[in-house]
Amino acid sequence: MKHVVLAVLAMMIVALNGRAYAQPNEAEAQALFTRFVAAQNAHDVSAVKSMLWNSPQMLFFSRGTEFRGSEAAADRFKEYYQGTWHLEPEMSKFHVATITNDVVQILVPIKFTRALPGAQPQSDTFLISQTFVRDTQGWQIASILPIENTQLKQ
């Protein structure tokens, strides 16, 4: 009986520790994503780049093209900012999956309004999947994967 009680206590400690890690990661992930959206809407390439993981493994997948590294991703955003580029995330549907204490993945529907310079803006709803890693610099965006979701279009 003593062993059973100890095993249950050990499982509770593990469960509580997992929950203790998840809650701060969720708040930090939401804060990073909120700052990222604000920088995107301000067309602030420097601020966006500062949030991207400074690694050649950083991935931004956009319109069927893979961009690797924070420099390439920032350059792509700079191109987008020349036209219409505005994001409206549906934060009530913001979800975080804590993978480890230093890696989380988010998923959130987001309405993109975009257009090339001089073109008529169009709006589409995507699911955005981003992976965040925590390194010595804090939380960074390691991947950005927009997934068009026709069921979310309004």
Protein backbone atom coordinates (compact mmCIF):
# COMPACT_ATOMS: atom_id res chain seq x y z
CA MET A 1 0.00 0.00 0.00
CA LYS A 2 2.85 2.33 0.84
CA HIS A 3 4.32 1.82 -2.65
CA VAL A 4 0.97 2.61 -4.27
CA VAL A 5 0.67 5.86 -2.30
CA LEU A 6 4.23 6.84 -3.28
CA ALA A 7 3.54 6.02 -6.93
CA VAL A 8 0.36 8.12 -6.91
CA LEU A 9 2.20 11.02 -5.26
CA ALA A 10 4.99 10.77 -7.83
CA MET A 11 2.45 10.86 -10.70
CA MET A 12 0.72 13.88 -9.14
CA ILE A 13 4.03 15.73 -8.85
CA VAL A 14 4.84 14.97 -12.50
CA ALA A 15 1.36 16.09 -13.57
CA LEU A 16 1.53 19.28 -11.54
CA ASN A 17 5.01 20.07 -12.85
CA GLY A 18 3.78 19.60 -16.42
CA ARG A 19 0.88 21.96 -15.74
CA ALA A 20 3.18 24.49 -14.08
CA TYR A 21 5.36 24.55 -17.19
CA ALA A 22 2.46 24.68 -19.63
CA GLN A 23 0.76 27.75 -18.19
CA PRO A 24 3.76 30.10 -18.36
CA ASN A 25 4.62 28.80 -21.84
CA GLU A 26 1.07 29.46 -23.02
CA ALA A 27 1.13 33.04 -21.72
CA GLU A 28 4.58 33.66 -23.18
CA ALA A 29 3.57 32.14 -26.53
CA GLN A 30 0.47 34.31 -26.71
CA ALA A 31 2.53 37.41 -25.86
CA LEU A 32 5.09 36.61 -28.57
CA PHE A 33 2.38 35.97 -31.15
CA THR A 34 0.57 39.20 -30.22
CA ARG A 35 3.82 41.19 -30.64
CA PHE A 36 4.46 39.42 -33.95
CA VAL A 37 1.02 40.32 -35.31
CA ALA A 38 1.44 43.95 -34.17
CA ALA A 39 4.85 44.18 -35.90
CA GLN A 40 3.38 42.60 -39.05
CA ASN A 41 0.50 45.06 -39.12
CA ALA A 42 2.95 47.95 -38.61
CA HIS A 43 5.05 46.55 -41.49
CA ASP A 44 8.04 46.68 -39.12
CA VAL A 45 10.52 44.28 -40.73
CA SER A 46 13.16 44.87 -38.04
CA ALA A 47 10.76 43.99 -35.23
CA VAL A 48 9.51 40.93 -37.12
CA LYS A 49 13.06 39.74 -37.80
CA SER A 50 14.01 40.18 -34.14
CA MET A 51 11.32 37.62 -33.21
CA LEU A 52 12.49 35.03 -35.73
CA TRP A 53 14.81 32.26 -34.60
CA ASN A 54 18.32 33.17 -35.71
CA SER A 55 19.05 29.78 -37.23
CA PRO A 56 19.40 28.45 -40.77
CA GLN A 57 16.68 25.97 -39.70
CA MET A 58 14.07 28.74 -39.23
CA LEU A 59 11.25 27.93 -41.70
CA PHE A 60 8.67 30.19 -43.33
CA PHE A 61 6.45 28.44 -45.87
CA SER A 62 4.46 30.84 -48.02
CA ARG A 63 2.47 30.40 -51.22
CA GLY A 64 4.10 27.06 -51.94
CA THR A 65 7.65 28.31 -51.36
CA GLU A 66 9.99 27.43 -48.51
CA PHE A 67 12.17 30.17 -47.01
CA ARG A 68 14.93 29.13 -44.61
CA GLY A 69 16.62 31.40 -42.10
CA SER A 70 15.47 34.62 -40.48
CA GLU A 71 17.07 36.79 -43.19
CA ALA A 72 15.17 35.06 -46.03
CA ALA A 73 11.90 35.18 -44.08
CA ALA A 74 12.35 38.86 -43.24
CA ASP A 75 13.11 39.63 -46.89
CA ARG A 76 9.89 37.90 -47.92
CA PHE A 77 7.87 39.88 -45.38
CA LYS A 78 9.49 43.09 -46.64
CA GLU A 79 8.17 42.26 -50.12
CA TYR A 80 4.68 41.63 -48.76
CA TYR A 81 4.69 44.94 -46.86
CA GLN A 82 5.04 46.88 -50.12
CA GLY A 83 1.37 46.14 -50.76
CA THR A 84 -1.59 45.61 -48.47
CA TRP A 85 -0.79 43.31 -45.54
CA HIS A 86 -2.99 43.10 -42.45
CA LEU A 87 -3.61 40.27 -39.98
CA GLU A 88 -6.60 39.72 -37.71
CA PRO A 89 -6.16 36.62 -35.52
CA GLU A 90 -9.13 35.03 -33.82
CA MET A 91 -7.50 34.92 -30.38
CA SER A 92 -10.49 33.17 -28.78
CA LYS A 93 -9.38 30.12 -30.81
CA PHE A 94 -5.65 30.47 -30.01
CA HIS A 95 -4.25 27.09 -28.95
CA VAL A 96 -0.84 26.14 -27.58
CA ALA A 97 0.68 22.68 -27.45
CA THR A 98 3.64 22.50 -25.09
CA ILE A 99 6.08 20.03 -26.62
CA THR A 100 8.89 20.59 -24.13
CA ASN A 101 9.66 23.36 -21.67
CA ASP A 102 11.53 25.12 -24.50
CA VAL A 103 9.34 24.26 -27.52
CA VAL A 104 5.69 25.09 -28.10
CA GLN A 105 3.45 25.01 -31.13
CA ILE A 106 0.54 27.35 -31.67
CA LEU A 107 -2.47 27.14 -33.93
CA VAL A 108 -4.83 30.03 -34.54
CA PRO A 109 -7.25 31.07 -37.29
CA ILE A 110 -6.28 34.39 -38.81
CA LYS A 111 -7.87 36.62 -41.42
CA PHE A 112 -5.29 37.93 -43.91
CA THR A 113 -6.06 41.00 -45.96
CA ARG A 114 -3.41 41.33 -48.64
CA ALA A 115 -2.66 42.61 -52.11
CA LEU A 116 0.23 43.53 -54.33
CA PRO A 117 0.88 47.29 -54.64
CA GLY A 118 -2.00 48.91 -56.55
CA ALA A 119 -4.14 45.76 -56.55
CA GLN A 120 -7.51 45.32 -54.88
CA PRO A 121 -7.03 43.79 -51.38
CA GLN A 122 -8.56 40.39 -50.74
CA SER A 123 -9.23 38.66 -47.45
CA ASP A 124 -8.82 34.96 -46.74
CA THR A 125 -8.84 32.97 -43.53
CA PHE A 126 -5.93 30.68 -42.76
CA LEU A 127 -4.91 28.50 -39.88
CA ILE A 128 -1.49 29.61 -38.73
CA SER A 129 0.79 27.02 -37.20
CA GLN A 130 3.94 28.39 -35.61
CA THR A 131 6.62 26.65 -33.59
CA PHE A 132 8.40 28.66 -30.91
CA VAL A 133 11.72 27.74 -29.33
CA ARG A 134 13.23 29.23 -26.21
CA ASP A 135 16.97 29.83 -26.33
CA THR A 136 19.33 32.20 -24.53
CA GLN A 137 17.59 35.12 -26.27
CA GLY A 138 14.14 34.09 -25.01
CA TRP A 139 11.24 32.82 -27.14
CA GLN A 140 11.78 32.90 -30.90
CA ILE A 141 9.61 31.88 -33.86
CA ALA A 142 11.17 28.78 -35.44
CA SER A 143 8.52 28.08 -38.08
CA ILE A 144 5.55 29.77 -39.71
CA LEU A 145 3.13 27.62 -41.68
CA PRO A 146 -0.07 29.23 -43.02
CA ILE A 147 -2.69 26.67 -44.02
CA GLU A 148 -5.61 27.88 -46.08
CA ASN A 149 -8.82 26.64 -44.57
CA THR A 150 -11.87 27.16 -46.76
CA GLN A 151 -14.15 26.09 -43.90
CA LEU A 152 -13.06 29.16 -41.92
CA LYS A 153 -13.85 31.67 -44.68
CA GLN A 154 -16.59 34.08 -43.77
